[in-house]
Amino acid sequence: MTPIVQTLPSAPLASSRRAFMGRTGTLSAVAVALLAGQDAMAQGMAGDMSQDVKILNVALGLEHEAINAYQLGAGSGLLQKPVLDIAVQFQGHHKSHRDALMATIQKMGGKPVMEMKLEEYAKALKADTLRNQADVLDLAARLELGAINAYLGVIPAFGSKDLAKIAGRLAADETMHFTILTNALGRPLPTGALSFGA
């Protein structure tokens, strides 16, 4: 990977789904308690479960998309080791996020949004335009940045440090992915502080 010590003038645009989550991403404490595996804590809380299920399904859709984007990259033959190994590791992180979101939605009585076929993600993400490793990494970096901003968007809703922690941990995973991908692309770091979630 190429080391970085530069600055990034601007961030890629977030997708409409990520923007939606950023605007409406105010999960109830119940949803986050369940997401954090704190079922007992969730039982004593009240909240708008239907709105939470909608928001969690948006997040789940983003995780499905990320998993399939990494699958497309891994199967493209364009990624070289050790980048390929890292991409597969990141895909594993997204699978863990997916599993946590699906379990939470089901505990809340909701129906998790279904994953589309790989071919549908390939079309939506324009995988046929990927020509080399940098193209694949660029796509992954854009998706990770959108996920960072989406997860950070839900944190202000929390009054509990414990509940905010799980959303922060999800955002931290995505930030790690974005940073590593940016490094691999030889791109500069964000120019200023507080560059995510604005």
Foldseek 3Di string as FASTA:
>chain_A
DAAADFADDDADDADPLLVVLLVLVAADLLLLCQLVVNNVVNVVDDDDLVSNLVSLLSLLQLLLLLLLLLVLVLPVVQDDPPVNVVSVVLSVVSVVSNVSSCSSCVVSVHHHDDRDDSVVSCVVLVVVPDDHPLSSLVSSLNSLLSSLLSLLSHLVNDPDPVSSVVSVVSSVSSVVSNVVSCNVNRHHYHDDPPPGND
